[in-house]
Amino acid sequence: MGLSLHDTERYTSVKQKLLELHDLYEVDADTNVSVRFVLTGHSLGGTIAQELTRELSFIDDTFTYNAGASPIGIPFQGSDPRIHNYVSSYDPIAMSIVHREETVS
């Protein structure tokens, strides 16, 4: 079996940074100040953002445009209401991805 997206240095480095930011900006009990975590991404960055949203429960919303992936690269994991995926009908890669069930258009 080949390398999965979750095993790449790009994915793991972004995930690590998000976890660090989450620890840094946790809700302050004294002030009750909280931080919303919203991801954005395009192409491969969009796919990474979508997968991180599925993995990390503290992500509030994710907006992607033409998230890219091979139709066989990442299995569809069901819709997630936090993911808002916009797809251009002129992008054949984005139109073929397995996340199309979540497409807003």
PDB file of N, CA and C in Angstrom:
ATOM      1  N   MET A   1       0.843  -1.179   0.000  1.00  0.00           N
ATOM      2  CA  MET A   1       0.000   0.000   0.000  1.00  0.00           C
ATOM      3  C   MET A   1       0.887   1.240   0.000  1.00  0.00           C
ATOM      4  N   GLY A   2       0.492   2.257  -0.747  1.00  0.00           N
ATOM      5  CA  GLY A   2       1.287   3.468  -0.868  1.00  0.00           C
ATOM      6  C   GLY A   2       1.109   4.407   0.304  1.00  0.00           C
ATOM      7  N   LEU A   3       1.792   5.496   0.227  1.00  0.00           N
ATOM      8  CA  LEU A   3       1.745   6.533   1.238  1.00  0.00           C
ATOM      9  C   LEU A   3       0.376   7.204   1.212  1.00  0.00           C
ATOM     10  N   SER A   4      -0.234   7.371   2.375  1.00  0.00           N
ATOM     11  CA  SER A   4      -1.520   8.064   2.424  1.00  0.00           C
ATOM     12  C   SER A   4      -1.293   9.537   2.737  1.00  0.00           C
ATOM     13  N   LEU A   5      -2.275  10.355   2.448  1.00  0.00           N
ATOM     14  CA  LEU A   5      -2.192  11.784   2.724  1.00  0.00           C
ATOM     15  C   LEU A   5      -1.859  12.042   4.191  1.00  0.00           C
ATOM     16  N   HIS A   6      -2.455  11.249   5.068  1.00  0.00           N
ATOM     17  CA  HIS A   6      -2.262  11.426   6.512  1.00  0.00           C
ATOM     18  C   HIS A   6      -0.821  11.158   6.951  1.00  0.00           C
ATOM     19  N   ASP A   7      -0.048  10.477   6.125  1.00  0.00           N
ATOM     20  CA  ASP A   7       1.338  10.154   6.471  1.00  0.00           C
ATOM     21  C   ASP A   7       2.341  11.149   5.891  1.00  0.00           C
ATOM     22  N   THR A   8       1.883  12.099   5.110  1.00  0.00           N
ATOM     23  CA  THR A   8       2.819  13.023   4.474  1.00  0.00           C
ATOM     24  C   THR A   8       3.310  14.077   5.460  1.00  0.00           C
ATOM     25  N   GLU A   9       4.478  14.620   5.171  1.00  0.00           N
ATOM     26  CA  GLU A   9       5.057  15.653   6.036  1.00  0.00           C
ATOM     27  C   GLU A   9       4.186  16.905   6.017  1.00  0.00           C
ATOM     28  N   ARG A  10       3.624  17.215   4.886  1.00  0.00           N
ATOM     29  CA  ARG A  10       2.766  18.403   4.780  1.00  0.00           C
ATOM     30  C   ARG A  10       1.548  18.281   5.694  1.00  0.00           C
ATOM     31  N   TYR A  11       0.886  17.138   5.665  1.00  0.00           N
ATOM     32  CA  TYR A  11      -0.302  16.924   6.493  1.00  0.00           C
ATOM     33  C   TYR A  11       0.068  16.947   7.975  1.00  0.00           C
ATOM     34  N   THR A  12       1.090  16.199   8.337  1.00  0.00           N
ATOM     35  CA  THR A  12       1.452  16.103   9.757  1.00  0.00           C
ATOM     36  C   THR A  12       1.959  17.430  10.304  1.00  0.00           C
ATOM     37  N   SER A  13       2.654  18.228   9.480  1.00  0.00           N
ATOM     38  CA  SER A  13       3.145  19.516   9.973  1.00  0.00           C
ATOM     39  C   SER A  13       1.992  20.499  10.191  1.00  0.00           C
ATOM     40  N   VAL A  14       0.998  20.497   9.300  1.00  0.00           N
ATOM     41  CA  VAL A  14      -0.162  21.369   9.485  1.00  0.00           C
ATOM     42  C   VAL A  14      -0.957  20.923  10.704  1.00  0.00           C
ATOM     43  N   LYS A  15      -1.138  19.630  10.861  1.00  0.00           N
ATOM     44  CA  LYS A  15      -1.864  19.110  12.019  1.00  0.00           C
ATOM     45  C   LYS A  15      -1.162  19.506  13.315  1.00  0.00           C
ATOM     46  N   GLN A  16       0.148  19.360  13.356  1.00  0.00           N
ATOM     47  CA  GLN A  16       0.912  19.712  14.554  1.00  0.00           C
ATOM     48  C   GLN A  16       0.752  21.189  14.882  1.00  0.00           C
ATOM     49  N   LYS A  17       0.818  22.050  13.875  1.00  0.00           N
ATOM     50  CA  LYS A  17       0.658  23.494  14.093  1.00  0.00           C
ATOM     51  C   LYS A  17      -0.744  23.819  14.612  1.00  0.00           C
ATOM     52  N   LEU A  18      -1.765  23.167  14.060  1.00  0.00           N
ATOM     53  CA  LEU A  18      -3.130  23.388  14.548  1.00  0.00           C
ATOM     54  C   LEU A  18      -3.270  22.973  16.007  1.00  0.00           C
ATOM     55  N   LEU A  19      -2.681  21.844  16.374  1.00  0.00           N
ATOM     56  CA  LEU A  19      -2.739  21.389  17.767  1.00  0.00           C
ATOM     57  C   LEU A  19      -2.033  22.382  18.690  1.00  0.00           C
ATOM     58  N   GLU A  20      -0.900  22.925  18.256  1.00  0.00           N
ATOM     59  CA  GLU A  20      -0.179  23.935  19.046  1.00  0.00           C
ATOM     60  C   GLU A  20      -1.028  25.191  19.219  1.00  0.00           C
ATOM     61  N   LEU A  21      -1.669  25.640  18.132  1.00  0.00           N
ATOM     62  CA  LEU A  21      -2.523  26.816  18.219  1.00  0.00           C
ATOM     63  C   LEU A  21      -3.721  26.568  19.129  1.00  0.00           C
ATOM     64  N   HIS A  22      -4.288  25.381  19.044  1.00  0.00           N
ATOM     65  CA  HIS A  22      -5.419  25.031  19.906  1.00  0.00           C
ATOM     66  C   HIS A  22      -5.002  25.085  21.368  1.00  0.00           C
ATOM     67  N   ASP A  23      -3.843  24.539  21.688  1.00  0.00           N
ATOM     68  CA  ASP A  23      -3.354  24.582  23.072  1.00  0.00           C
ATOM     69  C   ASP A  23      -3.088  26.020  23.523  1.00  0.00           C
ATOM     70  N   LEU A  24      -2.579  26.840  22.622  1.00  0.00           N
ATOM     71  CA  LEU A  24      -2.246  28.228  22.937  1.00  0.00           C
ATOM     72  C   LEU A  24      -3.496  29.075  23.166  1.00  0.00           C
ATOM     73  N   TYR A  25      -4.545  28.796  22.389  1.00  0.00           N
ATOM     74  CA  TYR A  25      -5.745  29.631  22.441  1.00  0.00           C
ATOM     75  C   TYR A  25      -6.955  28.911  23.023  1.00  0.00           C
ATOM     76  N   GLU A  26      -6.740  28.052  23.973  1.00  0.00           N
ATOM     77  CA  GLU A  26      -7.871  27.393  24.614  1.00  0.00           C
ATOM     78  C   GLU A  26      -8.740  28.435  25.319  1.00  0.00           C
ATOM     79  N   VAL A  27      -9.973  28.079  25.615  1.00  0.00           N
ATOM     80  CA  VAL A  27     -10.883  28.999  26.293  1.00  0.00           C
ATOM     81  C   VAL A  27     -10.278  29.415  27.626  1.00  0.00           C
ATOM     82  N   ASP A  28     -10.244  30.707  27.851  1.00  0.00           N
ATOM     83  CA  ASP A  28      -9.752  31.257  29.109  1.00  0.00           C
ATOM     84  C   ASP A  28     -10.910  31.253  30.102  1.00  0.00           C
ATOM     85  N   ALA A  29     -10.814  30.450  31.152  1.00  0.00           N
ATOM     86  CA  ALA A  29     -11.895  30.310  32.130  1.00  0.00           C
ATOM     87  C   ALA A  29     -12.198  31.630  32.842  1.00  0.00           C
ATOM     88  N   ASP A  30     -11.188  32.484  33.007  1.00  0.00           N
ATOM     89  CA  ASP A  30     -11.395  33.757  33.702  1.00  0.00           C
ATOM     90  C   ASP A  30     -12.161  34.765  32.856  1.00  0.00           C
ATOM     91  N   THR A  31     -11.883  34.800  31.575  1.00  0.00           N
ATOM     92  CA  THR A  31     -12.519  35.798  30.699  1.00  0.00           C
ATOM     93  C   THR A  31     -13.590  35.193  29.805  1.00  0.00           C
ATOM     94  N   ASN A  32     -13.641  33.877  29.748  1.00  0.00           N
ATOM     95  CA  ASN A  32     -14.582  33.156  28.887  1.00  0.00           C
ATOM     96  C   ASN A  32     -14.399  33.527  27.413  1.00  0.00           C
ATOM     97  N   VAL A  33     -13.181  33.893  27.040  1.00  0.00           N
ATOM     98  CA  VAL A  33     -12.871  34.213  25.655  1.00  0.00           C
ATOM     99  C   VAL A  33     -12.527  32.916  24.929  1.00  0.00           C
ATOM    100  N   SER A  34     -13.138  32.720  23.798  1.00  0.00           N
ATOM    101  CA  SER A  34     -12.837  31.530  23.020  1.00  0.00           C
ATOM    102  C   SER A  34     -12.435  31.921  21.606  1.00  0.00           C
ATOM    103  N   VAL A  35     -11.810  31.013  20.919  1.00  0.00           N
ATOM    104  CA  VAL A  35     -11.324  31.227  19.564  1.00  0.00           C
ATOM    105  C   VAL A  35     -12.022  30.236  18.643  1.00  0.00           C
ATOM    106  N   ARG A  36     -12.478  30.728  17.491  1.00  0.00           N
ATOM    107  CA  ARG A  36     -13.039  29.829  16.474  1.00  0.00           C
ATOM    108  C   ARG A  36     -11.923  29.420  15.534  1.00  0.00           C
ATOM    109  N   PHE A  37     -11.895  28.155  15.199  1.00  0.00           N
ATOM    110  CA  PHE A  37     -10.912  27.636  14.251  1.00  0.00           C
ATOM    111  C   PHE A  37     -11.620  27.390  12.926  1.00  0.00           C
ATOM    112  N   VAL A  38     -11.231  28.150  11.905  1.00  0.00           N
ATOM    113  CA  VAL A  38     -11.815  28.043  10.571  1.00  0.00           C
ATOM    114  C   VAL A  38     -10.674  27.832   9.587  1.00  0.00           C
ATOM    115  N   LEU A  39     -10.770  26.766   8.806  1.00  0.00           N
ATOM    116  CA  LEU A  39      -9.745  26.452   7.822  1.00  0.00           C
ATOM    117  C   LEU A  39     -10.230  26.822   6.424  1.00  0.00           C
ATOM    118  N   THR A  40      -9.288  27.161   5.569  1.00  0.00           N
ATOM    119  CA  THR A  40      -9.588  27.379   4.157  1.00  0.00           C
ATOM    120  C   THR A  40      -8.541  26.635   3.342  1.00  0.00           C
ATOM    121  N   GLY A  41      -8.878  26.303   2.121  1.00  0.00           N
ATOM    122  CA  GLY A  41      -7.896  25.640   1.278  1.00  0.00           C
ATOM    123  C   GLY A  41      -8.361  25.519  -0.152  1.00  0.00           C
ATOM    124  N   HIS A  42      -7.387  25.399  -1.040  1.00  0.00           N
ATOM    125  CA  HIS A  42      -7.642  25.229  -2.467  1.00  0.00           C
ATOM    126  C   HIS A  42      -6.785  24.067  -2.955  1.00  0.00           C
ATOM    127  N   SER A  43      -7.334  23.266  -3.823  1.00  0.00           N
ATOM    128  CA  SER A  43      -6.615  22.149  -4.422  1.00  0.00           C
ATOM    129  C   SER A  43      -6.147  21.182  -3.326  1.00  0.00           C
ATOM    130  N   LEU A  44      -4.873  20.833  -3.314  1.00  0.00           N
ATOM    131  CA  LEU A  44      -4.377  19.909  -2.286  1.00  0.00           C
ATOM    132  C   LEU A  44      -4.590  20.472  -0.884  1.00  0.00           C
ATOM    133  N   GLY A  45      -4.419  21.784  -0.724  1.00  0.00           N
ATOM    134  CA  GLY A  45      -4.655  22.409   0.581  1.00  0.00           C
ATOM    135  C   GLY A  45      -6.092  22.246   1.040  1.00  0.00           C
ATOM    136  N   GLY A  46      -7.025  22.246   0.090  1.00  0.00           N
ATOM    137  CA  GLY A  46      -8.429  22.026   0.417  1.00  0.00           C
ATOM    138  C   GLY A  46      -8.685  20.614   0.912  1.00  0.00           C
ATOM    139  N   THR A  47      -8.054  19.655   0.266  1.00  0.00           N
ATOM    140  CA  THR A  47      -8.205  18.265   0.694  1.00  0.00           C
ATOM    141  C   THR A  47      -7.607  18.069   2.079  1.00  0.00           C
ATOM    142  N   ILE A  48      -6.456  18.672   2.323  1.00  0.00           N
ATOM    143  CA  ILE A  48      -5.839  18.580   3.647  1.00  0.00           C
ATOM    144  C   ILE A  48      -6.759  19.220   4.692  1.00  0.00           C
ATOM    145  N   ALA A  49      -7.318  20.386   4.373  1.00  0.00           N
ATOM    146  CA  ALA A  49      -8.227  21.062   5.303  1.00  0.00           C
ATOM    147  C   ALA A  49      -9.445  20.193   5.609  1.00  0.00           C
ATOM    148  N   GLN A  50     -10.006  19.560   4.589  1.00  0.00           N
ATOM    149  CA  GLN A  50     -11.170  18.697   4.805  1.00  0.00           C
ATOM    150  C   GLN A  50     -10.825  17.509   5.702  1.00  0.00           C
ATOM    151  N   GLU A  51      -9.706  16.874   5.440  1.00  0.00           N
ATOM    152  CA  GLU A  51      -9.321  15.706   6.236  1.00  0.00           C
ATOM    153  C   GLU A  51      -8.992  16.091   7.680  1.00  0.00           C
ATOM    154  N   LEU A  52      -8.340  17.239   7.867  1.00  0.00           N
ATOM    155  CA  LEU A  52      -8.048  17.700   9.231  1.00  0.00           C
ATOM    156  C   LEU A  52      -9.334  18.023   9.982  1.00  0.00           C
ATOM    157  N   THR A  53     -10.318  18.554   9.284  1.00  0.00           N
ATOM    158  CA  THR A  53     -11.602  18.856   9.923  1.00  0.00           C
ATOM    159  C   THR A  53     -12.273  17.579  10.408  1.00  0.00           C
ATOM    160  N   ARG A  54     -12.199  16.530   9.605  1.00  0.00           N
ATOM    161  CA  ARG A  54     -12.776  15.248  10.034  1.00  0.00           C
ATOM    162  C   ARG A  54     -12.034  14.676  11.239  1.00  0.00           C
ATOM    163  N   GLU A  55     -10.743  14.929  11.306  1.00  0.00           N
ATOM    164  CA  GLU A  55      -9.915  14.344  12.360  1.00  0.00           C
ATOM    165  C   GLU A  55      -9.928  15.150  13.658  1.00  0.00           C
ATOM    166  N   LEU A  56     -10.026  16.465  13.570  1.00  0.00           N
ATOM    167  CA  LEU A  56      -9.894  17.327  14.744  1.00  0.00           C
ATOM    168  C   LEU A  56     -11.241  17.955  15.091  1.00  0.00           C
ATOM    169  N   SER A  57     -11.792  17.570  16.213  1.00  0.00           N
ATOM    170  CA  SER A  57     -13.137  18.016  16.584  1.00  0.00           C
ATOM    171  C   SER A  57     -13.212  19.498  16.919  1.00  0.00           C
ATOM    172  N   PHE A  58     -12.094  20.145  17.204  1.00  0.00           N
ATOM    173  CA  PHE A  58     -12.146  21.568  17.569  1.00  0.00           C
ATOM    174  C   PHE A  58     -12.216  22.504  16.357  1.00  0.00           C
ATOM    175  N   ILE A  59     -12.114  21.986  15.150  1.00  0.00           N
ATOM    176  CA  ILE A  59     -12.258  22.817  13.957  1.00  0.00           C
ATOM    177  C   ILE A  59     -13.743  23.174  13.815  1.00  0.00           C
ATOM    178  N   ASP A  60     -14.034  24.478  13.734  1.00  0.00           N
ATOM    179  CA  ASP A  60     -15.426  24.924  13.687  1.00  0.00           C
ATOM    180  C   ASP A  60     -16.019  24.855  12.282  1.00  0.00           C
ATOM    181  N   ASP A  61     -15.282  25.327  11.298  1.00  0.00           N
ATOM    182  CA  ASP A  61     -15.749  25.334   9.916  1.00  0.00           C
ATOM    183  C   ASP A  61     -14.554  25.246   8.983  1.00  0.00           C
ATOM    184  N   THR A  62     -14.820  24.710   7.785  1.00  0.00           N
ATOM    185  CA  THR A  62     -13.794  24.632   6.751  1.00  0.00           C
ATOM    186  C   THR A  62     -14.433  24.996   5.421  1.00  0.00           C
ATOM    187  N   PHE A  63     -13.780  25.924   4.724  1.00  0.00           N
ATOM    188  CA  PHE A  63     -14.245  26.365   3.411  1.00  0.00           C
ATOM    189  C   PHE A  63     -13.163  26.026   2.395  1.00  0.00           C
ATOM    190  N   THR A  64     -13.523  25.212   1.404  1.00  0.00           N
ATOM    191  CA  THR A  64     -12.548  24.824   0.389  1.00  0.00           C
ATOM    192  C   THR A  64     -13.085  25.159  -0.989  1.00  0.00           C
ATOM    193  N   TYR A  65     -12.153  25.418  -1.893  1.00  0.00           N
ATOM    194  CA  TYR A  65     -12.493  25.714  -3.274  1.00  0.00           C
ATOM    195  C   TYR A  65     -11.691  24.777  -4.171  1.00  0.00           C
ATOM    196  N   ASN A  66     -12.398  24.008  -4.960  1.00  0.00           N
ATOM    197  CA  ASN A  66     -11.763  23.045  -5.857  1.00  0.00           C
ATOM    198  C   ASN A  66     -10.751  22.167  -5.125  1.00  0.00           C
ATOM    199  N   ALA A  67     -11.190  21.594  -4.010  1.00  0.00           N
ATOM    200  CA  ALA A  67     -10.317  20.658  -3.292  1.00  0.00           C
ATOM    201  C   ALA A  67      -9.926  19.539  -4.241  1.00  0.00           C
ATOM    202  N   GLY A  68      -8.665  19.202  -4.278  1.00  0.00           N
ATOM    203  CA  GLY A  68      -8.193  18.233  -5.261  1.00  0.00           C
ATOM    204  C   GLY A  68      -7.807  16.915  -4.641  1.00  0.00           C
ATOM    205  N   ALA A  69      -8.117  15.861  -5.337  1.00  0.00           N
ATOM    206  CA  ALA A  69      -7.720  14.520  -4.917  1.00  0.00           C
ATOM    207  C   ALA A  69      -8.009  13.567  -6.061  1.00  0.00           C
ATOM    208  N   SER A  70      -7.307  12.492  -6.067  1.00  0.00           N
ATOM    209  CA  SER A  70      -7.617  11.430  -7.008  1.00  0.00           C
ATOM    210  C   SER A  70      -8.919  10.771  -6.572  1.00  0.00           C
ATOM    211  N   PRO A  71      -9.751  10.351  -7.514  1.00  0.00           N
ATOM    212  CA  PRO A  71     -10.972   9.644  -7.120  1.00  0.00           C
ATOM    213  C   PRO A  71     -10.688   8.390  -6.300  1.00  0.00           C
ATOM    214  N   ILE A  72      -9.489   7.862  -6.387  1.00  0.00           N
ATOM    215  CA  ILE A  72      -9.152   6.676  -5.590  1.00  0.00           C
ATOM    216  C   ILE A  72      -8.220   7.016  -4.440  1.00  0.00           C
ATOM    217  N   GLY A  73      -7.858   8.298  -4.297  1.00  0.00           N
ATOM    218  CA  GLY A  73      -6.861   8.686  -3.302  1.00  0.00           C
ATOM    219  C   GLY A  73      -7.347   8.690  -1.870  1.00  0.00           C
ATOM    220  N   ILE A  74      -8.530   9.222  -1.628  1.00  0.00           N
ATOM    221  CA  ILE A  74      -9.063   9.308  -0.273  1.00  0.00           C
ATOM    222  C   ILE A  74     -10.497   8.810  -0.312  1.00  0.00           C
ATOM    223  N   PRO A  75     -10.816   7.786   0.443  1.00  0.00           N
ATOM    224  CA  PRO A  75     -12.188   7.278   0.421  1.00  0.00           C
ATOM    225  C   PRO A  75     -13.156   8.297   1.009  1.00  0.00           C
ATOM    226  N   PHE A  76     -14.335   8.407   0.416  1.00  0.00           N
ATOM    227  CA  PHE A  76     -15.341   9.332   0.937  1.00  0.00           C
ATOM    228  C   PHE A  76     -15.743   8.879   2.330  1.00  0.00           C
ATOM    229  N   GLN A  77     -15.761   9.813   3.267  1.00  0.00           N
ATOM    230  CA  GLN A  77     -16.017   9.472   4.667  1.00  0.00           C
ATOM    231  C   GLN A  77     -17.362   9.982   5.158  1.00  0.00           C
ATOM    232  N   GLY A  78     -18.226  10.340   4.258  1.00  0.00           N
ATOM    233  CA  GLY A  78     -19.509  10.876   4.665  1.00  0.00           C
ATOM    234  C   GLY A  78     -19.443  12.383   4.808  1.00  0.00           C
ATOM    235  N   SER A  79     -20.602  13.018   4.758  1.00  0.00           N
ATOM    236  CA  SER A  79     -20.612  14.467   4.825  1.00  0.00           C
ATOM    237  C   SER A  79     -20.369  14.931   6.256  1.00  0.00           C
ATOM    238  N   ASP A  80     -19.783  16.092   6.369  1.00  0.00           N
ATOM    239  CA  ASP A  80     -19.508  16.725   7.648  1.00  0.00           C
ATOM    240  C   ASP A  80     -20.064  18.136   7.533  1.00  0.00           C
ATOM    241  N   PRO A  81     -21.004  18.518   8.389  1.00  0.00           N
ATOM    242  CA  PRO A  81     -21.633  19.834   8.257  1.00  0.00           C
ATOM    243  C   PRO A  81     -20.670  21.003   8.426  1.00  0.00           C
ATOM    244  N   ARG A  82     -19.483  20.753   8.926  1.00  0.00           N
ATOM    245  CA  ARG A  82     -18.498  21.824   9.087  1.00  0.00           C
ATOM    246  C   ARG A  82     -17.745  22.108   7.792  1.00  0.00           C
ATOM    247  N   ILE A  83     -17.848  21.215   6.804  1.00  0.00           N
ATOM    248  CA  ILE A  83     -17.107  21.362   5.551  1.00  0.00           C
ATOM    249  C   ILE A  83     -18.010  21.971   4.482  1.00  0.00           C
ATOM    250  N   HIS A  84     -17.540  23.090   3.909  1.00  0.00           N
ATOM    251  CA  HIS A  84     -18.255  23.794   2.845  1.00  0.00           C
ATOM    252  C   HIS A  84     -17.316  23.798   1.640  1.00  0.00           C
ATOM    253  N   ASN A  85     -17.624  22.959   0.659  1.00  0.00           N
ATOM    254  CA  ASN A  85     -16.741  22.758  -0.483  1.00  0.00           C
ATOM    255  C   ASN A  85     -17.345  23.382  -1.728  1.00  0.00           C
ATOM    256  N   TYR A  86     -16.658  24.361  -2.288  1.00  0.00           N
ATOM    257  CA  TYR A  86     -17.101  25.020  -3.507  1.00  0.00           C
ATOM    258  C   TYR A  86     -16.298  24.464  -4.679  1.00  0.00           C
ATOM    259  N   VAL A  87     -16.991  24.117  -5.752  1.00  0.00           N
ATOM    260  CA  VAL A  87     -16.331  23.482  -6.892  1.00  0.00           C
ATOM    261  C   VAL A  87     -16.710  24.209  -8.176  1.00  0.00           C
ATOM    262  N   SER A  88     -15.704  24.502  -8.977  1.00  0.00           N
ATOM    263  CA  SER A  88     -15.912  25.075 -10.304  1.00  0.00           C
ATOM    264  C   SER A  88     -16.135  23.940 -11.288  1.00  0.00           C
ATOM    265  N   SER A  89     -17.161  24.059 -12.090  1.00  0.00           N
ATOM    266  CA  SER A  89     -17.430  23.003 -13.077  1.00  0.00           C
ATOM    267  C   SER A  89     -16.364  22.972 -14.162  1.00  0.00           C
ATOM    268  N   TYR A  90     -15.471  23.951 -14.187  1.00  0.00           N
ATOM    269  CA  TYR A  90     -14.397  23.987 -15.180  1.00  0.00           C
ATOM    270  C   TYR A  90     -13.140  23.266 -14.714  1.00  0.00           C
ATOM    271  N   ASP A  91     -13.162  22.728 -13.518  1.00  0.00           N
ATOM    272  CA  ASP A  91     -11.999  22.028 -12.973  1.00  0.00           C
ATOM    273  C   ASP A  91     -12.278  20.525 -12.977  1.00  0.00           C
ATOM    274  N   PRO A  92     -11.734  19.782 -13.950  1.00  0.00           N
ATOM    275  CA  PRO A  92     -12.056  18.352 -14.050  1.00  0.00           C
ATOM    276  C   PRO A  92     -11.561  17.538 -12.858  1.00  0.00           C
ATOM    277  N   ILE A  93     -10.472  17.935 -12.239  1.00  0.00           N
ATOM    278  CA  ILE A  93      -9.981  17.207 -11.064  1.00  0.00           C
ATOM    279  C   ILE A  93     -10.946  17.393  -9.903  1.00  0.00           C
ATOM    280  N   ALA A  94     -11.308  18.638  -9.633  1.00  0.00           N
ATOM    281  CA  ALA A  94     -12.224  18.905  -8.520  1.00  0.00           C
ATOM    282  C   ALA A  94     -13.589  18.261  -8.751  1.00  0.00           C
ATOM    283  N   MET A  95     -14.058  18.228  -9.989  1.00  0.00           N
ATOM    284  CA  MET A  95     -15.358  17.629 -10.267  1.00  0.00           C
ATOM    285  C   MET A  95     -15.343  16.112 -10.106  1.00  0.00           C
ATOM    286  N   SER A  96     -14.158  15.506 -10.150  1.00  0.00           N
ATOM    287  CA  SER A  96     -14.087  14.050 -10.066  1.00  0.00           C
ATOM    288  C   SER A  96     -13.817  13.543  -8.657  1.00  0.00           C
ATOM    289  N   ILE A  97     -13.596  14.460  -7.710  1.00  0.00           N
ATOM    290  CA  ILE A  97     -13.195  14.004  -6.379  1.00  0.00           C
ATOM    291  C   ILE A  97     -14.328  13.323  -5.644  1.00  0.00           C
ATOM    292  N   VAL A  98     -13.928  12.516  -4.701  1.00  0.00           N
ATOM    293  CA  VAL A  98     -14.906  11.744  -3.955  1.00  0.00           C
ATOM    294  C   VAL A  98     -15.621  12.563  -2.896  1.00  0.00           C
ATOM    295  N   HIS A  99     -15.222  13.813  -2.690  1.00  0.00           N
ATOM    296  CA  HIS A  99     -15.908  14.670  -1.728  1.00  0.00           C
ATOM    297  C   HIS A  99     -17.083  15.394  -2.371  1.00  0.00           C
ATOM    298  N   ARG A 100     -17.414  15.076  -3.606  1.00  0.00           N
ATOM    299  CA  ARG A 100     -18.422  15.840  -4.320  1.00  0.00           C
ATOM    300  C   ARG A 100     -19.791  15.811  -3.629  1.00  0.00           C
ATOM    301  N   GLU A 101     -20.043  14.834  -2.766  1.00  0.00           N
ATOM    302  CA  GLU A 101     -21.318  14.798  -2.050  1.00  0.00           C
ATOM    303  C   GLU A 101     -21.466  15.991  -1.125  1.00  0.00           C
ATOM    304  N   GLU A 102     -20.358  16.640  -0.783  1.00  0.00           N
ATOM    305  CA  GLU A 102     -20.400  17.789   0.118  1.00  0.00           C
ATOM    306  C   GLU A 102     -20.381  19.102  -0.647  1.00  0.00           C
ATOM    307  N   THR A 103     -20.395  19.047  -1.959  1.00  0.00           N
ATOM    308  CA  THR A 103     -20.227  20.231  -2.787  1.00  0.00           C
ATOM    309  C   THR A 103     -21.400  21.189  -2.642  1.00  0.00           C
ATOM    310  N   VAL A 104     -21.063  22.460  -2.459  1.00  0.00           N
ATOM    311  CA  VAL A 104     -22.067  23.507  -2.371  1.00  0.00           C
ATOM    312  C   VAL A 104     -22.315  24.120  -3.742  1.00  0.00           C
ATOM    313  N   SER A 105     -21.322  24.190  -4.612  1.00  0.00           N
ATOM    314  CA  SER A 105     -21.316  24.757  -5.957  1.00  0.00           C
ATOM    315  C   SER A 105     -21.134  26.256  -5.960  1.00  0.00           C
TER     316      SER A 105
END
